[in-house]
Amino acid sequence: MIICGDCLAEMAKMEPNSVDAIVTDPPYGIGFLYGGGKEIADNPDDYWAWLSPRHEEMMRILRPGGFFAMWQTQLNFKHFWEWFGDDIHIYAGCKNFVQLRKTPINYGYDPVVMKYKAGADPLRPTKPPRSLDYFVANTAGIISDKNRPEKKHPCPRPLDAVVQIVRNFVVPNGLILDPFMGSGTTLIAAGQEGFRAVGIEVSEEYCEIARKRIYGTLGAEIKESR
């Protein structure tokens, strides 16, 4: 299901403890230029002031024991435990192709903040095929093929990376929420792995990209709410 709207308002409509997992890739608060303009924050303090109420809503609607995974930026690494709690684990979303910048040490992975919500045993697969804390994604494929529909989004997430996360850490048949759906990668990964999923996206343009990608990949119509 796709919901086109602001995730803070849309999550407020959801029942507490109503989803099994949250897998999402929000803006990072580094002043990135998206299609609609510059993101709302460009420093850690302003970013957390913006993200904090959204994170609180995610935790409210996530079931006890539910799985949480949020992509973040290396630039805010030192704040993760302050923001997300002492019980987090950092998953290395590694890349097989890295765009080198003029810096002595380049980042070869994106940090993914992970945890299982306290209050119950972790809702996870009994025998996950690969429960390691890293995966090397095919980022070269996204860059080399300019005709891929997700390229219409400025920051597409590699599908194979998201598949690995939902396959190995989300309870079978669980309901996954992505409050920052973007081009729909989480919903595609969920569908391929047999999960139910809800995606929320404020941009109608990206909702349309996601709808076309999901239909083209999974061959199924997607219920939408606006």
C-alpha atoms as a PDB file:
ATOM      1  CA  MET A   1       0.000   0.000   0.000  1.00  0.00           C
ATOM      2  CA  ILE A   2       1.201   3.497  -0.891  1.00  0.00           C
ATOM      3  CA  ILE A   3       0.125   6.528   1.130  1.00  0.00           C
ATOM      4  CA  CYS A   4       0.919   9.866  -0.462  1.00  0.00           C
ATOM      5  CA  GLY A   5       1.261  12.363   2.393  1.00  0.00           C
ATOM      6  CA  ASP A   6       3.446  13.625   5.223  1.00  0.00           C
ATOM      7  CA  CYS A   7       4.611  10.678   7.323  1.00  0.00           C
ATOM      8  CA  LEU A   8       4.217  12.494  10.649  1.00  0.00           C
ATOM      9  CA  ALA A   9       0.539  13.158  10.002  1.00  0.00           C
ATOM     10  CA  GLU A  10      -0.083   9.750   8.450  1.00  0.00           C
ATOM     11  CA  MET A  11       1.616   7.784  11.222  1.00  0.00           C
ATOM     12  CA  ALA A  12      -0.463   9.677  13.802  1.00  0.00           C
ATOM     13  CA  LYS A  13      -3.519   7.939  12.289  1.00  0.00           C
ATOM     14  CA  MET A  14      -2.067   4.462  12.854  1.00  0.00           C
ATOM     15  CA  GLU A  15      -2.758   2.245  15.848  1.00  0.00           C
ATOM     16  CA  PRO A  16      -0.037   1.685  18.460  1.00  0.00           C
ATOM     17  CA  ASN A  17       1.957  -1.543  18.095  1.00  0.00           C
ATOM     18  CA  SER A  18       0.484  -2.145  14.646  1.00  0.00           C
ATOM     19  CA  VAL A  19       3.529  -2.923  12.456  1.00  0.00           C
ATOM     20  CA  ASP A  20       6.167  -5.650  12.763  1.00  0.00           C
ATOM     21  CA  ALA A  21       9.067  -3.739  11.224  1.00  0.00           C
ATOM     22  CA  ILE A  22      10.144  -0.293  10.075  1.00  0.00           C
ATOM     23  CA  VAL A  23      12.715  -0.182   7.280  1.00  0.00           C
ATOM     24  CA  THR A  24      13.348   3.313   5.988  1.00  0.00           C
ATOM     25  CA  ASP A  25      15.804   5.761   4.453  1.00  0.00           C
ATOM     26  CA  PRO A  26      14.939   9.339   5.469  1.00  0.00           C
ATOM     27  CA  PRO A  27      16.692  12.563   4.491  1.00  0.00           C
ATOM     28  CA  TYR A  28      19.959  12.981   6.382  1.00  0.00           C
ATOM     29  CA  GLY A  29      19.964  16.631   7.445  1.00  0.00           C
ATOM     30  CA  ILE A  30      23.013  17.618   5.417  1.00  0.00           C
ATOM     31  CA  GLY A  31      21.412  20.241   3.183  1.00  0.00           C
ATOM     32  CA  PHE A  32      20.950  17.861   0.242  1.00  0.00           C
ATOM     33  CA  LEU A  33      19.173  19.209  -2.826  1.00  0.00           C
ATOM     34  CA  TYR A  34      16.156  17.093  -3.744  1.00  0.00           C
ATOM     35  CA  GLY A  35      13.933  17.697  -6.746  1.00  0.00           C
ATOM     36  CA  GLY A  36      11.655  19.986  -4.761  1.00  0.00           C
ATOM     37  CA  GLY A  37      14.504  21.988  -3.218  1.00  0.00           C
ATOM     38  CA  LYS A  38      16.916  21.837  -0.294  1.00  0.00           C
ATOM     39  CA  GLU A  39      16.043  19.550   2.613  1.00  0.00           C
ATOM     40  CA  ILE A  40      14.751  21.179   5.762  1.00  0.00           C
ATOM     41  CA  ALA A  41      17.893  20.769   7.931  1.00  0.00           C
ATOM     42  CA  ASP A  42      21.621  21.073   7.303  1.00  0.00           C
ATOM     43  CA  ASN A  43      23.102  20.445  10.763  1.00  0.00           C
ATOM     44  CA  PRO A  44      22.689  17.748  13.454  1.00  0.00           C
ATOM     45  CA  ASP A  45      20.684  19.846  15.938  1.00  0.00           C
ATOM     46  CA  ASP A  46      18.083  21.025  13.431  1.00  0.00           C
ATOM     47  CA  TYR A  47      17.971  17.587  11.857  1.00  0.00           C
ATOM     48  CA  TRP A  48      17.174  15.792  15.105  1.00  0.00           C
ATOM     49  CA  ALA A  49      14.574  18.453  15.991  1.00  0.00           C
ATOM     50  CA  TRP A  50      12.885  17.477  12.713  1.00  0.00           C
ATOM     51  CA  LEU A  51      13.463  13.699  12.874  1.00  0.00           C
ATOM     52  CA  SER A  52      12.767  13.163  16.589  1.00  0.00           C
ATOM     53  CA  PRO A  53       8.946  13.447  16.490  1.00  0.00           C
ATOM     54  CA  ARG A  54       8.891  11.175  13.446  1.00  0.00           C
ATOM     55  CA  HIS A  55      11.086   8.642  15.226  1.00  0.00           C
ATOM     56  CA  GLU A  56       8.766   8.777  18.251  1.00  0.00           C
ATOM     57  CA  GLU A  57       5.794   7.960  16.018  1.00  0.00           C
ATOM     58  CA  MET A  58       7.688   5.055  14.475  1.00  0.00           C
ATOM     59  CA  MET A  59       8.411   3.635  17.918  1.00  0.00           C
ATOM     60  CA  ARG A  60       4.776   4.117  18.961  1.00  0.00           C
ATOM     61  CA  ILE A  61       3.371   2.083  16.093  1.00  0.00           C
ATOM     62  CA  LEU A  62       6.135  -0.558  16.103  1.00  0.00           C
ATOM     63  CA  ARG A  63       5.212  -3.705  18.033  1.00  0.00           C
ATOM     64  CA  PRO A  64       7.259  -4.696  21.103  1.00  0.00           C
ATOM     65  CA  GLY A  65      10.017  -6.883  19.711  1.00  0.00           C
ATOM     66  CA  GLY A  66       9.571  -5.284  16.283  1.00  0.00           C
ATOM     67  CA  PHE A  67      12.526  -4.605  13.997  1.00  0.00           C
ATOM     68  CA  PHE A  68      13.780  -1.085  13.237  1.00  0.00           C
ATOM     69  CA  ALA A  69      16.264  -0.188  10.478  1.00  0.00           C
ATOM     70  CA  MET A  70      17.054   3.362   9.374  1.00  0.00           C
ATOM     71  CA  TRP A  71      19.751   4.419   6.919  1.00  0.00           C
ATOM     72  CA  GLN A  72      21.807   7.352   8.133  1.00  0.00           C
ATOM     73  CA  THR A  73      24.855   9.404   7.146  1.00  0.00           C
ATOM     74  CA  GLN A  74      28.396   8.911   8.381  1.00  0.00           C
ATOM     75  CA  LEU A  75      28.502  12.653   9.162  1.00  0.00           C
ATOM     76  CA  ASN A  76      26.106  12.137  12.096  1.00  0.00           C
ATOM     77  CA  PHE A  77      27.627   8.872  13.333  1.00  0.00           C
ATOM     78  CA  LYS A  78      28.627  10.203  16.769  1.00  0.00           C
ATOM     79  CA  HIS A  79      25.001  11.173  17.512  1.00  0.00           C
ATOM     80  CA  PHE A  80      23.380   7.794  16.828  1.00  0.00           C
ATOM     81  CA  TRP A  81      23.442   6.467  20.429  1.00  0.00           C
ATOM     82  CA  GLU A  82      22.210   9.795  21.791  1.00  0.00           C
ATOM     83  CA  TRP A  83      19.367   9.861  19.268  1.00  0.00           C
ATOM     84  CA  PHE A  84      18.323   6.222  18.937  1.00  0.00           C
ATOM     85  CA  GLY A  85      19.360   4.662  22.270  1.00  0.00           C
ATOM     86  CA  ASP A  86      22.122   2.520  23.709  1.00  0.00           C
ATOM     87  CA  ASP A  87      20.649  -0.720  22.347  1.00  0.00           C
ATOM     88  CA  ILE A  88      21.273   0.021  18.662  1.00  0.00           C
ATOM     89  CA  HIS A  89      23.473  -1.982  16.297  1.00  0.00           C
ATOM     90  CA  ILE A  90      25.195  -0.434  13.274  1.00  0.00           C
ATOM     91  CA  TYR A  91      24.791  -2.447  10.074  1.00  0.00           C
ATOM     92  CA  ALA A  92      27.304  -1.701   7.308  1.00  0.00           C
ATOM     93  CA  GLY A  93      25.556  -1.174   3.995  1.00  0.00           C
ATOM     94  CA  CYS A  94      28.694  -1.639   1.893  1.00  0.00           C
ATOM     95  CA  LYS A  95      29.059  -0.700  -1.769  1.00  0.00           C
ATOM     96  CA  ASN A  96      30.793  -2.469  -4.633  1.00  0.00           C
ATOM     97  CA  PHE A  97      31.256   0.907  -6.316  1.00  0.00           C
ATOM     98  CA  VAL A  98      32.189   4.073  -4.441  1.00  0.00           C
ATOM     99  CA  GLN A  99      32.293   7.546  -5.983  1.00  0.00           C
ATOM    100  CA  LEU A 100      35.674   8.768  -4.757  1.00  0.00           C
ATOM    101  CA  ARG A 101      35.882  12.301  -3.446  1.00  0.00           C
ATOM    102  CA  LYS A 102      38.845  14.559  -2.714  1.00  0.00           C
ATOM    103  CA  THR A 103      39.328  13.320   0.828  1.00  0.00           C
ATOM    104  CA  PRO A 104      42.092  11.163   2.362  1.00  0.00           C
ATOM    105  CA  ILE A 105      39.626   8.442   3.450  1.00  0.00           C
ATOM    106  CA  ASN A 106      36.456   7.702   1.475  1.00  0.00           C
ATOM    107  CA  TYR A 107      33.339   6.056   2.903  1.00  0.00           C
ATOM    108  CA  GLY A 108      32.785   2.549   1.552  1.00  0.00           C
ATOM    109  CA  TYR A 109      29.522   1.918   3.375  1.00  0.00           C
ATOM    110  CA  ASP A 110      26.389   3.605   4.681  1.00  0.00           C
ATOM    111  CA  PRO A 111      25.516   3.053   8.362  1.00  0.00           C
ATOM    112  CA  VAL A 112      22.106   1.535   9.033  1.00  0.00           C
ATOM    113  CA  VAL A 113      20.854   2.015  12.593  1.00  0.00           C
ATOM    114  CA  MET A 114      19.166  -1.215  13.712  1.00  0.00           C
ATOM    115  CA  LYS A 115      17.461  -2.509  16.825  1.00  0.00           C
ATOM    116  CA  TYR A 116      14.544  -4.607  18.053  1.00  0.00           C
ATOM    117  CA  LYS A 117      12.055  -2.662  20.131  1.00  0.00           C
ATOM    118  CA  ALA A 118      12.190  -3.481  23.824  1.00  0.00           C
ATOM    119  CA  GLY A 119       9.276  -5.136  25.607  1.00  0.00           C
ATOM    120  CA  ALA A 120       9.229  -8.569  23.967  1.00  0.00           C
ATOM    121  CA  ASP A 121      11.500 -11.131  22.365  1.00  0.00           C
ATOM    122  CA  PRO A 122      12.817 -10.001  18.958  1.00  0.00           C
ATOM    123  CA  LEU A 123      10.395 -10.647  16.106  1.00  0.00           C
ATOM    124  CA  ARG A 124      12.847 -12.260  13.723  1.00  0.00           C
ATOM    125  CA  PRO A 125      13.289 -15.329  11.509  1.00  0.00           C
ATOM    126  CA  THR A 126      13.999 -18.548  13.416  1.00  0.00           C
ATOM    127  CA  LYS A 127      16.818 -19.496  11.058  1.00  0.00           C
ATOM    128  CA  PRO A 128      17.859 -16.418   9.072  1.00  0.00           C
ATOM    129  CA  PRO A 129      20.051 -17.303   6.064  1.00  0.00           C
ATOM    130  CA  ARG A 130      22.543 -14.497   6.773  1.00  0.00           C
ATOM    131  CA  SER A 131      22.368 -12.657  10.092  1.00  0.00           C
ATOM    132  CA  LEU A 132      25.689 -10.827   9.659  1.00  0.00           C
ATOM    133  CA  ASP A 133      25.948  -7.085  10.219  1.00  0.00           C
ATOM    134  CA  TYR A 134      27.076  -6.147   6.705  1.00  0.00           C
ATOM    135  CA  PHE A 135      26.256  -6.653   3.045  1.00  0.00           C
ATOM    136  CA  VAL A 136      28.010  -5.513  -0.140  1.00  0.00           C
ATOM    137  CA  ALA A 137      25.342  -4.121  -2.445  1.00  0.00           C
ATOM    138  CA  ASN A 138      25.482  -3.721  -6.213  1.00  0.00           C
ATOM    139  CA  THR A 139      25.655   0.072  -6.320  1.00  0.00           C
ATOM    140  CA  ALA A 140      27.510  -0.040  -9.637  1.00  0.00           C
ATOM    141  CA  GLY A 141      24.334  -1.299 -11.321  1.00  0.00           C
ATOM    142  CA  ILE A 142      22.352   1.746 -10.248  1.00  0.00           C
ATOM    143  CA  ILE A 143      25.011   4.149 -11.485  1.00  0.00           C
ATOM    144  CA  SER A 144      25.798   2.462 -14.813  1.00  0.00           C
ATOM    145  CA  ASP A 145      22.201   1.997 -16.035  1.00  0.00           C
ATOM    146  CA  LYS A 146      20.750   5.481 -16.471  1.00  0.00           C
ATOM    147  CA  ASN A 147      17.433   4.106 -17.745  1.00  0.00           C
ATOM    148  CA  ARG A 148      16.447   2.472 -14.462  1.00  0.00           C
ATOM    149  CA  PRO A 149      13.265   4.129 -13.143  1.00  0.00           C
ATOM    150  CA  GLU A 150      14.679   4.635  -9.644  1.00  0.00           C
ATOM    151  CA  LYS A 151      17.260   6.993 -11.174  1.00  0.00           C
ATOM    152  CA  LYS A 152      14.483   9.594 -11.248  1.00  0.00           C
ATOM    153  CA  HIS A 153      14.954   9.761  -7.476  1.00  0.00           C
ATOM    154  CA  PRO A 154      18.195  11.500  -6.372  1.00  0.00           C
ATOM    155  CA  CYS A 155      19.113   8.870  -3.755  1.00  0.00           C
ATOM    156  CA  PRO A 156      17.902   5.404  -4.802  1.00  0.00           C
ATOM    157  CA  ARG A 157      18.695   2.594  -2.371  1.00  0.00           C
ATOM    158  CA  PRO A 158      20.124  -0.667  -3.854  1.00  0.00           C
ATOM    159  CA  LEU A 159      17.350  -3.266  -3.962  1.00  0.00           C
ATOM    160  CA  ASP A 160      19.637  -6.165  -3.057  1.00  0.00           C
ATOM    161  CA  ALA A 161      20.678  -4.396   0.162  1.00  0.00           C
ATOM    162  CA  VAL A 162      17.079  -3.954   1.298  1.00  0.00           C
ATOM    163  CA  VAL A 163      16.203  -7.535   0.335  1.00  0.00           C
ATOM    164  CA  GLN A 164      19.013  -8.785   2.576  1.00  0.00           C
ATOM    165  CA  ILE A 165      17.767  -6.762   5.529  1.00  0.00           C
ATOM    166  CA  VAL A 166      14.113  -7.764   5.337  1.00  0.00           C
ATOM    167  CA  ARG A 167      14.979 -11.399   4.579  1.00  0.00           C
ATOM    168  CA  ASN A 168      17.319 -11.807   7.524  1.00  0.00           C
ATOM    169  CA  PHE A 169      15.862  -9.596  10.251  1.00  0.00           C
ATOM    170  CA  VAL A 170      12.075  -9.258   9.802  1.00  0.00           C
ATOM    171  CA  VAL A 171       9.699 -11.878  11.162  1.00  0.00           C
ATOM    172  CA  PRO A 172       8.155 -14.032   8.362  1.00  0.00           C
ATOM    173  CA  ASN A 173       4.845 -12.689   6.999  1.00  0.00           C
ATOM    174  CA  GLY A 174       5.392  -9.473   8.933  1.00  0.00           C
ATOM    175  CA  LEU A 175       4.008  -6.050   8.075  1.00  0.00           C
ATOM    176  CA  ILE A 176       6.753  -3.575   7.115  1.00  0.00           C
ATOM    177  CA  LEU A 177       6.350   0.206   7.178  1.00  0.00           C
ATOM    178  CA  ASP A 178       8.568   2.615   5.246  1.00  0.00           C
ATOM    179  CA  PRO A 179       7.642   6.187   6.294  1.00  0.00           C
ATOM    180  CA  PHE A 180      10.061   7.679   3.719  1.00  0.00           C
ATOM    181  CA  MET A 181       9.237   5.486   0.742  1.00  0.00           C
ATOM    182  CA  GLY A 182      11.036   7.447  -1.998  1.00  0.00           C
ATOM    183  CA  SER A 183      11.111   5.373  -5.177  1.00  0.00           C
ATOM    184  CA  GLY A 184       9.571   2.314  -3.480  1.00  0.00           C
ATOM    185  CA  THR A 185      12.599   0.056  -2.945  1.00  0.00           C
ATOM    186  CA  THR A 186      11.461  -1.214   0.467  1.00  0.00           C
ATOM    187  CA  LEU A 187       8.027  -2.133  -0.876  1.00  0.00           C
ATOM    188  CA  ILE A 188       9.577  -4.019  -3.798  1.00  0.00           C
ATOM    189  CA  ALA A 189      11.953  -5.907  -1.494  1.00  0.00           C
ATOM    190  CA  ALA A 190       9.059  -6.728   0.828  1.00  0.00           C
ATOM    191  CA  GLY A 191       6.919  -7.995  -2.026  1.00  0.00           C
ATOM    192  CA  GLN A 192       9.687 -10.169  -3.422  1.00  0.00           C
ATOM    193  CA  GLU A 193      10.259 -11.744  -0.014  1.00  0.00           C
ATOM    194  CA  GLY A 194       6.598 -12.334   0.817  1.00  0.00           C
ATOM    195  CA  PHE A 195       6.032  -9.523   3.310  1.00  0.00           C
ATOM    196  CA  ARG A 196       3.171  -7.068   3.500  1.00  0.00           C
ATOM    197  CA  ALA A 197       4.249  -3.436   3.298  1.00  0.00           C
ATOM    198  CA  VAL A 198       3.036   0.140   3.594  1.00  0.00           C
ATOM    199  CA  GLY A 199       4.987   3.061   2.172  1.00  0.00           C
ATOM    200  CA  ILE A 200       4.445   6.743   2.968  1.00  0.00           C
ATOM    201  CA  GLU A 201       5.869   9.454   0.718  1.00  0.00           C
ATOM    202  CA  VAL A 202       5.215  13.195   0.750  1.00  0.00           C
ATOM    203  CA  SER A 203       6.198  13.749  -2.899  1.00  0.00           C
ATOM    204  CA  GLU A 204       3.500  12.861  -5.411  1.00  0.00           C
ATOM    205  CA  GLU A 205       6.208  12.602  -8.080  1.00  0.00           C
ATOM    206  CA  TYR A 206       8.045   9.918  -6.108  1.00  0.00           C
ATOM    207  CA  CYS A 207       4.767   8.140  -5.325  1.00  0.00           C
ATOM    208  CA  GLU A 208       4.194   7.833  -9.064  1.00  0.00           C
ATOM    209  CA  ILE A 209       7.738   6.532  -9.625  1.00  0.00           C
ATOM    210  CA  ALA A 210       7.221   3.973  -6.853  1.00  0.00           C
ATOM    211  CA  ARG A 211       3.866   2.868  -8.239  1.00  0.00           C
ATOM    212  CA  LYS A 212       5.363   2.251 -11.691  1.00  0.00           C
ATOM    213  CA  ARG A 213       8.410   0.464 -10.276  1.00  0.00           C
ATOM    214  CA  ILE A 214       6.331  -1.788  -8.045  1.00  0.00           C
ATOM    215  CA  TYR A 215       3.934  -2.676 -10.833  1.00  0.00           C
ATOM    216  CA  GLY A 216       6.792  -3.255 -13.284  1.00  0.00           C
ATOM    217  CA  THR A 217       8.756  -5.426 -10.847  1.00  0.00           C
ATOM    218  CA  LEU A 218       6.057  -7.329  -8.989  1.00  0.00           C
ATOM    219  CA  GLY A 219       3.357  -7.260 -11.643  1.00  0.00           C
ATOM    220  CA  ALA A 220       0.680  -6.248  -9.160  1.00  0.00           C
ATOM    221  CA  GLU A 221      -1.527  -3.239  -8.716  1.00  0.00           C
ATOM    222  CA  ILE A 222      -0.802  -1.212  -5.592  1.00  0.00           C
ATOM    223  CA  LYS A 223      -3.506   0.198  -3.361  1.00  0.00           C
ATOM    224  CA  GLU A 224      -3.038   3.924  -2.874  1.00  0.00           C
ATOM    225  CA  SER A 225      -4.275   6.488  -0.375  1.00  0.00           C
ATOM    226  CA  ARG A 226      -4.060  10.261  -0.787  1.00  0.00           C
END
